[in-house]
Amino acid sequence: MAFRIPGIRRATKNNDVPKGYLAVYVGDKMKRFLIPISYLNQPLFLELLNQAEEEFGYDHPNGGLTIPCGEDEFLNLTSQLSRL
């Protein structure tokens, strides 16, 4: 059974990112998620961005941000953000 977290969009195969969204790569398998840019103002997400900067710097070869956490942790965080 699949579930959907409000705010996160399923990444499409053609690599298009809709206006107002940002592509991020998460987990060991580098799963691609599209998140609303409004998350960039949230302290919880900013903490993840700081961790990404420390671990990867500004080099993100996938074309989107690489977030240094597991998929479950990321989905939990974005679920919290969607309720704000």
PDB file of N, CA and C in Angstrom:
ATOM      1  N   MET A   1       0.837  -1.176   0.000  1.00  0.00           N
ATOM      2  CA  MET A   1       0.000   0.000   0.000  1.00  0.00           C
ATOM      3  C   MET A   1       0.885   1.242   0.000  1.00  0.00           C
ATOM      4  N   ALA A   2       0.661   2.127  -0.908  1.00  0.00           N
ATOM      5  CA  ALA A   2       1.456   3.351  -1.018  1.00  0.00           C
ATOM      6  C   ALA A   2       0.784   4.468  -0.251  1.00  0.00           C
ATOM      7  N   PHE A   3       1.584   5.405   0.208  1.00  0.00           N
ATOM      8  CA  PHE A   3       1.051   6.592   0.863  1.00  0.00           C
ATOM      9  C   PHE A   3       1.714   7.808   0.274  1.00  0.00           C
ATOM     10  N   ARG A   4       1.070   8.947   0.434  1.00  0.00           N
ATOM     11  CA  ARG A   4       1.580  10.184  -0.153  1.00  0.00           C
ATOM     12  C   ARG A   4       1.683  11.234   0.922  1.00  0.00           C
ATOM     13  N   ILE A   5       2.809  11.890   1.000  1.00  0.00           N
ATOM     14  CA  ILE A   5       2.996  12.988   1.937  1.00  0.00           C
ATOM     15  C   ILE A   5       2.681  14.274   1.199  1.00  0.00           C
ATOM     16  N   PRO A   6       1.747  15.071   1.717  1.00  0.00           N
ATOM     17  CA  PRO A   6       1.422  16.336   1.042  1.00  0.00           C
ATOM     18  C   PRO A   6       2.667  17.197   0.879  1.00  0.00           C
ATOM     19  N   GLY A   7       2.817  17.800  -0.264  1.00  0.00           N
ATOM     20  CA  GLY A   7       3.952  18.679  -0.516  1.00  0.00           C
ATOM     21  C   GLY A   7       5.039  18.032  -1.332  1.00  0.00           C
ATOM     22  N   ILE A   8       5.247  16.735  -1.160  1.00  0.00           N
ATOM     23  CA  ILE A   8       6.287  16.046  -1.920  1.00  0.00           C
ATOM     24  C   ILE A   8       5.651  15.479  -3.181  1.00  0.00           C
ATOM     25  N   ARG A   9       6.321  15.655  -4.289  1.00  0.00           N
ATOM     26  CA  ARG A   9       5.831  15.123  -5.556  1.00  0.00           C
ATOM     27  C   ARG A   9       6.693  13.958  -5.989  1.00  0.00           C
ATOM     28  N   ARG A  10       6.082  13.067  -6.700  1.00  0.00           N
ATOM     29  CA  ARG A  10       6.816  11.940  -7.261  1.00  0.00           C
ATOM     30  C   ARG A  10       7.687  12.451  -8.399  1.00  0.00           C
ATOM     31  N   ALA A  11       8.932  12.050  -8.413  1.00  0.00           N
ATOM     32  CA  ALA A  11       9.850  12.464  -9.469  1.00  0.00           C
ATOM     33  C   ALA A  11       9.456  11.782 -10.774  1.00  0.00           C
ATOM     34  N   THR A  12       9.488  12.528 -11.845  1.00  0.00           N
ATOM     35  CA  THR A  12       9.133  11.975 -13.147  1.00  0.00           C
ATOM     36  C   THR A  12      10.389  11.489 -13.867  1.00  0.00           C
ATOM     37  N   LYS A  13      10.188  10.653 -14.849  1.00  0.00           N
ATOM     38  CA  LYS A  13      11.319  10.089 -15.594  1.00  0.00           C
ATOM     39  C   LYS A  13      11.997  11.101 -16.497  1.00  0.00           C
ATOM     40  N   ASN A  14      11.286  12.152 -16.898  1.00  0.00           N
ATOM     41  CA  ASN A  14      11.877  13.100 -17.841  1.00  0.00           C
ATOM     42  C   ASN A  14      12.695  14.186 -17.147  1.00  0.00           C
ATOM     43  N   ASN A  15      12.890  14.066 -15.850  1.00  0.00           N
ATOM     44  CA  ASN A  15      13.737  14.973 -15.061  1.00  0.00           C
ATOM     45  C   ASN A  15      13.239  16.410 -14.988  1.00  0.00           C
ATOM     46  N   ASP A  16      11.993  16.670 -15.370  1.00  0.00           N
ATOM     47  CA  ASP A  16      11.440  18.012 -15.227  1.00  0.00           C
ATOM     48  C   ASP A  16      11.138  18.286 -13.762  1.00  0.00           C
ATOM     49  N   VAL A  17      11.432  19.489 -13.338  1.00  0.00           N
ATOM     50  CA  VAL A  17      11.111  19.920 -11.986  1.00  0.00           C
ATOM     51  C   VAL A  17      10.094  21.042 -12.113  1.00  0.00           C
ATOM     52  N   PRO A  18       8.884  20.838 -11.595  1.00  0.00           N
ATOM     53  CA  PRO A  18       7.855  21.870 -11.714  1.00  0.00           C
ATOM     54  C   PRO A  18       8.253  23.152 -10.987  1.00  0.00           C
ATOM     55  N   LYS A  19       7.711  24.252 -11.438  1.00  0.00           N
ATOM     56  CA  LYS A  19       7.960  25.533 -10.801  1.00  0.00           C
ATOM     57  C   LYS A  19       7.544  25.450  -9.335  1.00  0.00           C
ATOM     58  N   GLY A  20       8.408  25.950  -8.456  1.00  0.00           N
ATOM     59  CA  GLY A  20       8.120  25.946  -7.030  1.00  0.00           C
ATOM     60  C   GLY A  20       8.633  24.719  -6.299  1.00  0.00           C
ATOM     61  N   TYR A  21       9.327  23.835  -7.017  1.00  0.00           N
ATOM     62  CA  TYR A  21       9.866  22.614  -6.418  1.00  0.00           C
ATOM     63  C   TYR A  21      11.369  22.517  -6.644  1.00  0.00           C
ATOM     64  N   LEU A  22      12.008  21.655  -5.856  1.00  0.00           N
ATOM     65  CA  LEU A  22      13.444  21.438  -5.922  1.00  0.00           C
ATOM     66  C   LEU A  22      13.696  19.939  -5.877  1.00  0.00           C
ATOM     67  N   ALA A  23      14.586  19.437  -6.727  1.00  0.00           N
ATOM     68  CA  ALA A  23      14.932  18.016  -6.715  1.00  0.00           C
ATOM     69  C   ALA A  23      15.996  17.761  -5.660  1.00  0.00           C
ATOM     70  N   VAL A  24      15.770  16.728  -4.840  1.00  0.00           N
ATOM     71  CA  VAL A  24      16.760  16.305  -3.851  1.00  0.00           C
ATOM     72  C   VAL A  24      16.934  14.792  -3.981  1.00  0.00           C
ATOM     73  N   TYR A  25      18.134  14.318  -3.648  1.00  0.00           N
ATOM     74  CA  TYR A  25      18.446  12.896  -3.689  1.00  0.00           C
ATOM     75  C   TYR A  25      18.731  12.434  -2.277  1.00  0.00           C
ATOM     76  N   VAL A  26      18.095  11.317  -1.898  1.00  0.00           N
ATOM     77  CA  VAL A  26      18.116  10.871  -0.506  1.00  0.00           C
ATOM     78  C   VAL A  26      18.419   9.379  -0.426  1.00  0.00           C
ATOM     79  N   GLY A  27      19.169   9.004   0.606  1.00  0.00           N
ATOM     80  CA  GLY A  27      19.397   7.592   0.915  1.00  0.00           C
ATOM     81  C   GLY A  27      20.516   6.956   0.130  1.00  0.00           C
ATOM     82  N   ASP A  28      20.751   5.683   0.465  1.00  0.00           N
ATOM     83  CA  ASP A  28      21.828   4.924  -0.179  1.00  0.00           C
ATOM     84  C   ASP A  28      21.593   4.732  -1.672  1.00  0.00           C
ATOM     85  N   LYS A  29      20.334   4.609  -2.062  1.00  0.00           N
ATOM     86  CA  LYS A  29      20.012   4.402  -3.476  1.00  0.00           C
ATOM     87  C   LYS A  29      19.790   5.705  -4.216  1.00  0.00           C
ATOM     88  N   MET A  30      20.003   6.835  -3.523  1.00  0.00           N
ATOM     89  CA  MET A  30      19.867   8.173  -4.118  1.00  0.00           C
ATOM     90  C   MET A  30      18.492   8.341  -4.785  1.00  0.00           C
ATOM     91  N   LYS A  31      17.440   8.035  -4.037  1.00  0.00           N
ATOM     92  CA  LYS A  31      16.084   8.202  -4.544  1.00  0.00           C
ATOM     93  C   LYS A  31      15.779   9.684  -4.702  1.00  0.00           C
ATOM     94  N   ARG A  32      15.157  10.027  -5.809  1.00  0.00           N
ATOM     95  CA  ARG A  32      14.888  11.428  -6.139  1.00  0.00           C
ATOM     96  C   ARG A  32      13.501  11.832  -5.644  1.00  0.00           C
ATOM     97  N   PHE A  33      13.454  12.957  -4.922  1.00  0.00           N
ATOM     98  CA  PHE A  33      12.205  13.529  -4.441  1.00  0.00           C
ATOM     99  C   PHE A  33      12.123  14.972  -4.924  1.00  0.00           C
ATOM    100  N   LEU A  34      10.917  15.434  -5.143  1.00  0.00           N
ATOM    101  CA  LEU A  34      10.684  16.844  -5.469  1.00  0.00           C
ATOM    102  C   LEU A  34       9.997  17.466  -4.267  1.00  0.00           C
ATOM    103  N   ILE A  35      10.632  18.474  -3.692  1.00  0.00           N
ATOM    104  CA  ILE A  35      10.089  19.103  -2.491  1.00  0.00           C
ATOM    105  C   ILE A  35       9.717  20.552  -2.795  1.00  0.00           C
ATOM    106  N   PRO A  36       8.726  21.085  -2.102  1.00  0.00           N
ATOM    107  CA  PRO A  36       8.368  22.497  -2.302  1.00  0.00           C
ATOM    108  C   PRO A  36       9.503  23.405  -1.821  1.00  0.00           C
ATOM    109  N   ILE A  37       9.765  24.482  -2.538  1.00  0.00           N
ATOM    110  CA  ILE A  37      10.841  25.386  -2.124  1.00  0.00           C
ATOM    111  C   ILE A  37      10.532  26.055  -0.794  1.00  0.00           C
ATOM    112  N   SER A  38       9.274  26.040  -0.366  1.00  0.00           N
ATOM    113  CA  SER A  38       8.922  26.617   0.934  1.00  0.00           C
ATOM    114  C   SER A  38       9.630  25.893   2.080  1.00  0.00           C
ATOM    115  N   TYR A  39      10.031  24.641   1.868  1.00  0.00           N
ATOM    116  CA  TYR A  39      10.769  23.899   2.901  1.00  0.00           C
ATOM    117  C   TYR A  39      12.119  24.542   3.202  1.00  0.00           C
ATOM    118  N   LEU A  40      12.657  25.301   2.252  1.00  0.00           N
ATOM    119  CA  LEU A  40      13.979  25.916   2.444  1.00  0.00           C
ATOM    120  C   LEU A  40      13.980  26.950   3.560  1.00  0.00           C
ATOM    121  N   ASN A  41      12.817  27.415   3.979  1.00  0.00           N
ATOM    122  CA  ASN A  41      12.719  28.381   5.078  1.00  0.00           C
ATOM    123  C   ASN A  41      12.517  27.725   6.435  1.00  0.00           C
ATOM    124  N   GLN A  42      12.358  26.417   6.470  1.00  0.00           N
ATOM    125  CA  GLN A  42      12.062  25.712   7.717  1.00  0.00           C
ATOM    126  C   GLN A  42      13.349  25.303   8.438  1.00  0.00           C
ATOM    127  N   PRO A  43      13.454  25.593   9.752  1.00  0.00           N
ATOM    128  CA  PRO A  43      14.660  25.262  10.511  1.00  0.00           C
ATOM    129  C   PRO A  43      15.061  23.787  10.436  1.00  0.00           C
ATOM    130  N   LEU A  44      14.089  22.864  10.450  1.00  0.00           N
ATOM    131  CA  LEU A  44      14.421  21.438  10.360  1.00  0.00           C
ATOM    132  C   LEU A  44      15.104  21.106   9.034  1.00  0.00           C
ATOM    133  N   PHE A  45      14.600  21.679   7.960  1.00  0.00           N
ATOM    134  CA  PHE A  45      15.195  21.410   6.652  1.00  0.00           C
ATOM    135  C   PHE A  45      16.535  22.121   6.503  1.00  0.00           C
ATOM    136  N   LEU A  46      16.653  23.313   7.068  1.00  0.00           N
ATOM    137  CA  LEU A  46      17.929  24.038   7.017  1.00  0.00           C
ATOM    138  C   LEU A  46      19.030  23.247   7.712  1.00  0.00           C
ATOM    139  N   GLU A  47      18.669  22.537   8.768  1.00  0.00           N
ATOM    140  CA  GLU A  47      19.656  21.692   9.452  1.00  0.00           C
ATOM    141  C   GLU A  47      20.164  20.595   8.512  1.00  0.00           C
ATOM    142  N   LEU A  48      19.252  19.989   7.758  1.00  0.00           N
ATOM    143  CA  LEU A  48      19.662  18.983   6.766  1.00  0.00           C
ATOM    144  C   LEU A  48      20.552  19.588   5.690  1.00  0.00           C
ATOM    145  N   LEU A  49      20.223  20.800   5.249  1.00  0.00           N
ATOM    146  CA  LEU A  49      21.049  21.464   4.238  1.00  0.00           C
ATOM    147  C   LEU A  49      22.452  21.749   4.766  1.00  0.00           C
ATOM    148  N   ASN A  50      22.560  22.132   6.020  1.00  0.00           N
ATOM    149  CA  ASN A  50      23.881  22.354   6.623  1.00  0.00           C
ATOM    150  C   ASN A  50      24.682  21.062   6.666  1.00  0.00           C
ATOM    151  N   GLN A  51      24.023  19.948   7.000  1.00  0.00           N
ATOM    152  CA  GLN A  51      24.700  18.650   7.001  1.00  0.00           C
ATOM    153  C   GLN A  51      25.152  18.274   5.589  1.00  0.00           C
ATOM    154  N   ALA A  52      24.315  18.572   4.602  1.00  0.00           N
ATOM    155  CA  ALA A  52      24.661  18.275   3.210  1.00  0.00           C
ATOM    156  C   ALA A  52      25.878  19.085   2.780  1.00  0.00           C
ATOM    157  N   GLU A  53      25.919  20.341   3.187  1.00  0.00           N
ATOM    158  CA  GLU A  53      27.062  21.192   2.845  1.00  0.00           C
ATOM    159  C   GLU A  53      28.339  20.654   3.465  1.00  0.00           C
ATOM    160  N   GLU A  54      28.268  20.226   4.730  1.00  0.00           N
ATOM    161  CA  GLU A  54      29.452  19.686   5.403  1.00  0.00           C
ATOM    162  C   GLU A  54      29.934  18.401   4.751  1.00  0.00           C
ATOM    163  N   GLU A  55      28.997  17.543   4.368  1.00  0.00           N
ATOM    164  CA  GLU A  55      29.375  16.243   3.818  1.00  0.00           C
ATOM    165  C   GLU A  55      29.759  16.296   2.346  1.00  0.00           C
ATOM    166  N   PHE A  56      29.020  17.072   1.547  1.00  0.00           N
ATOM    167  CA  PHE A  56      29.222  17.056   0.104  1.00  0.00           C
ATOM    168  C   PHE A  56      29.749  18.360  -0.472  1.00  0.00           C
ATOM    169  N   GLY A  57      29.766  19.427   0.313  1.00  0.00           N
ATOM    170  CA  GLY A  57      30.143  20.725  -0.221  1.00  0.00           C
ATOM    171  C   GLY A  57      29.079  21.190  -1.189  1.00  0.00           C
ATOM    172  N   TYR A  58      29.488  21.851  -2.238  1.00  0.00           N
ATOM    173  CA  TYR A  58      28.523  22.353  -3.218  1.00  0.00           C
ATOM    174  C   TYR A  58      28.560  21.565  -4.514  1.00  0.00           C
ATOM    175  N   ASP A  59      29.219  20.415  -4.512  1.00  0.00           N
ATOM    176  CA  ASP A  59      29.309  19.577  -5.701  1.00  0.00           C
ATOM    177  C   ASP A  59      28.234  18.503  -5.643  1.00  0.00           C
ATOM    178  N   HIS A  60      27.185  18.661  -6.430  1.00  0.00           N
ATOM    179  CA  HIS A  60      26.088  17.700  -6.474  1.00  0.00           C
ATOM    180  C   HIS A  60      25.931  17.223  -7.912  1.00  0.00           C
ATOM    181  N   PRO A  61      26.644  16.145  -8.285  1.00  0.00           N
ATOM    182  CA  PRO A  61      26.674  15.706  -9.671  1.00  0.00           C
ATOM    183  C   PRO A  61      25.340  15.212 -10.221  1.00  0.00           C
ATOM    184  N   ASN A  62      24.376  14.915  -9.353  1.00  0.00           N
ATOM    185  CA  ASN A  62      23.089  14.415  -9.836  1.00  0.00           C
ATOM    186  C   ASN A  62      22.187  15.510 -10.381  1.00  0.00           C
ATOM    187  N   GLY A  63      22.568  16.762 -10.204  1.00  0.00           N
ATOM    188  CA  GLY A  63      21.740  17.862 -10.679  1.00  0.00           C
ATOM    189  C   GLY A  63      20.775  18.376  -9.634  1.00  0.00           C
ATOM    190  N   GLY A  64      20.700  17.709  -8.517  1.00  0.00           N
ATOM    191  CA  GLY A  64      19.867  18.138  -7.394  1.00  0.00           C
ATOM    192  C   GLY A  64      20.680  18.022  -6.123  1.00  0.00           C
ATOM    193  N   LEU A  65      20.130  18.493  -5.036  1.00  0.00           N
ATOM    194  CA  LEU A  65      20.840  18.410  -3.758  1.00  0.00           C
ATOM    195  C   LEU A  65      20.870  16.973  -3.257  1.00  0.00           C
ATOM    196  N   THR A  66      22.003  16.568  -2.689  1.00  0.00           N
ATOM    197  CA  THR A  66      22.119  15.274  -2.055  1.00  0.00           C
ATOM    198  C   THR A  66      21.946  15.485  -0.560  1.00  0.00           C
ATOM    199  N   ILE A  67      20.946  14.832   0.026  1.00  0.00           N
ATOM    200  CA  ILE A  67      20.641  14.981   1.438  1.00  0.00           C
ATOM    201  C   ILE A  67      21.207  13.775   2.189  1.00  0.00           C
ATOM    202  N   PRO A  68      22.059  14.014   3.193  1.00  0.00           N
ATOM    203  CA  PRO A  68      22.738  12.916   3.889  1.00  0.00           C
ATOM    204  C   PRO A  68      21.889  12.302   5.010  1.00  0.00           C
ATOM    205  N   CYS A  69      20.835  11.602   4.628  1.00  0.00           N
ATOM    206  CA  CYS A  69      20.050  10.861   5.611  1.00  0.00           C
ATOM    207  C   CYS A  69      19.333   9.729   4.891  1.00  0.00           C
ATOM    208  N   GLY A  70      18.763   8.824   5.644  1.00  0.00           N
ATOM    209  CA  GLY A  70      18.013   7.721   5.061  1.00  0.00           C
ATOM    210  C   GLY A  70      16.654   8.172   4.568  1.00  0.00           C
ATOM    211  N   GLU A  71      16.055   7.362   3.699  1.00  0.00           N
ATOM    212  CA  GLU A  71      14.741   7.704   3.152  1.00  0.00           C
ATOM    213  C   GLU A  71      13.684   7.822   4.240  1.00  0.00           C
ATOM    214  N   ASP A  72      13.701   6.901   5.198  1.00  0.00           N
ATOM    215  CA  ASP A  72      12.703   6.931   6.270  1.00  0.00           C
ATOM    216  C   ASP A  72      12.811   8.210   7.093  1.00  0.00           C
ATOM    217  N   GLU A  73      14.035   8.594   7.423  1.00  0.00           N
ATOM    218  CA  GLU A  73      14.251   9.820   8.190  1.00  0.00           C
ATOM    219  C   GLU A  73      13.775  11.039   7.389  1.00  0.00           C
ATOM    220  N   PHE A  74      14.076  11.061   6.096  1.00  0.00           N
ATOM    221  CA  PHE A  74      13.668  12.162   5.239  1.00  0.00           C
ATOM    222  C   PHE A  74      12.138  12.245   5.141  1.00  0.00           C
ATOM    223  N   LEU A  75      11.487  11.111   4.942  1.00  0.00           N
ATOM    224  CA  LEU A  75      10.030  11.098   4.851  1.00  0.00           C
ATOM    225  C   LEU A  75       9.388  11.527   6.166  1.00  0.00           C
ATOM    226  N   ASN A  76       9.978  11.145   7.282  1.00  0.00           N
ATOM    227  CA  ASN A  76       9.484  11.566   8.587  1.00  0.00           C
ATOM    228  C   ASN A  76       9.595  13.087   8.725  1.00  0.00           C
ATOM    229  N   LEU A  77      10.745  13.631   8.349  1.00  0.00           N
ATOM    230  CA  LEU A  77      10.966  15.083   8.451  1.00  0.00           C
ATOM    231  C   LEU A  77      10.010  15.845   7.543  1.00  0.00           C
ATOM    232  N   THR A  78       9.865  15.401   6.318  1.00  0.00           N
ATOM    233  CA  THR A  78       8.990  16.118   5.387  1.00  0.00           C
ATOM    234  C   THR A  78       7.521  15.977   5.795  1.00  0.00           C
ATOM    235  N   SER A  79       7.181  14.873   6.442  1.00  0.00           N
ATOM    236  CA  SER A  79       5.832  14.716   6.967  1.00  0.00           C
ATOM    237  C   SER A  79       5.567  15.765   8.042  1.00  0.00           C
ATOM    238  N   GLN A  80       6.558  16.010   8.899  1.00  0.00           N
ATOM    239  CA  GLN A  80       6.432  17.039   9.925  1.00  0.00           C
ATOM    240  C   GLN A  80       6.310  18.419   9.284  1.00  0.00           C
ATOM    241  N   LEU A  81       7.094  18.670   8.256  1.00  0.00           N
ATOM    242  CA  LEU A  81       7.064  19.978   7.588  1.00  0.00           C
ATOM    243  C   LEU A  81       5.735  20.225   6.876  1.00  0.00           C
ATOM    244  N   SER A  82       5.131  19.178   6.354  1.00  0.00           N
ATOM    245  CA  SER A  82       3.876  19.358   5.630  1.00  0.00           C
ATOM    246  C   SER A  82       2.736  19.733   6.572  1.00  0.00           C
ATOM    247  N   ARG A  83       2.900  19.493   7.866  1.00  0.00           N
ATOM    248  CA  ARG A  83       1.874  19.838   8.845  1.00  0.00           C
ATOM    249  C   ARG A  83       2.001  21.261   9.348  1.00  0.00           C
ATOM    250  N   LEU A  84       3.106  21.929   9.014  1.00  0.00           N
ATOM    251  CA  LEU A  84       3.321  23.303   9.512  1.00  0.00           C
ATOM    252  C   LEU A  84       2.528  24.316   8.721  1.00  0.00           C
TER     253      LEU A  84
END
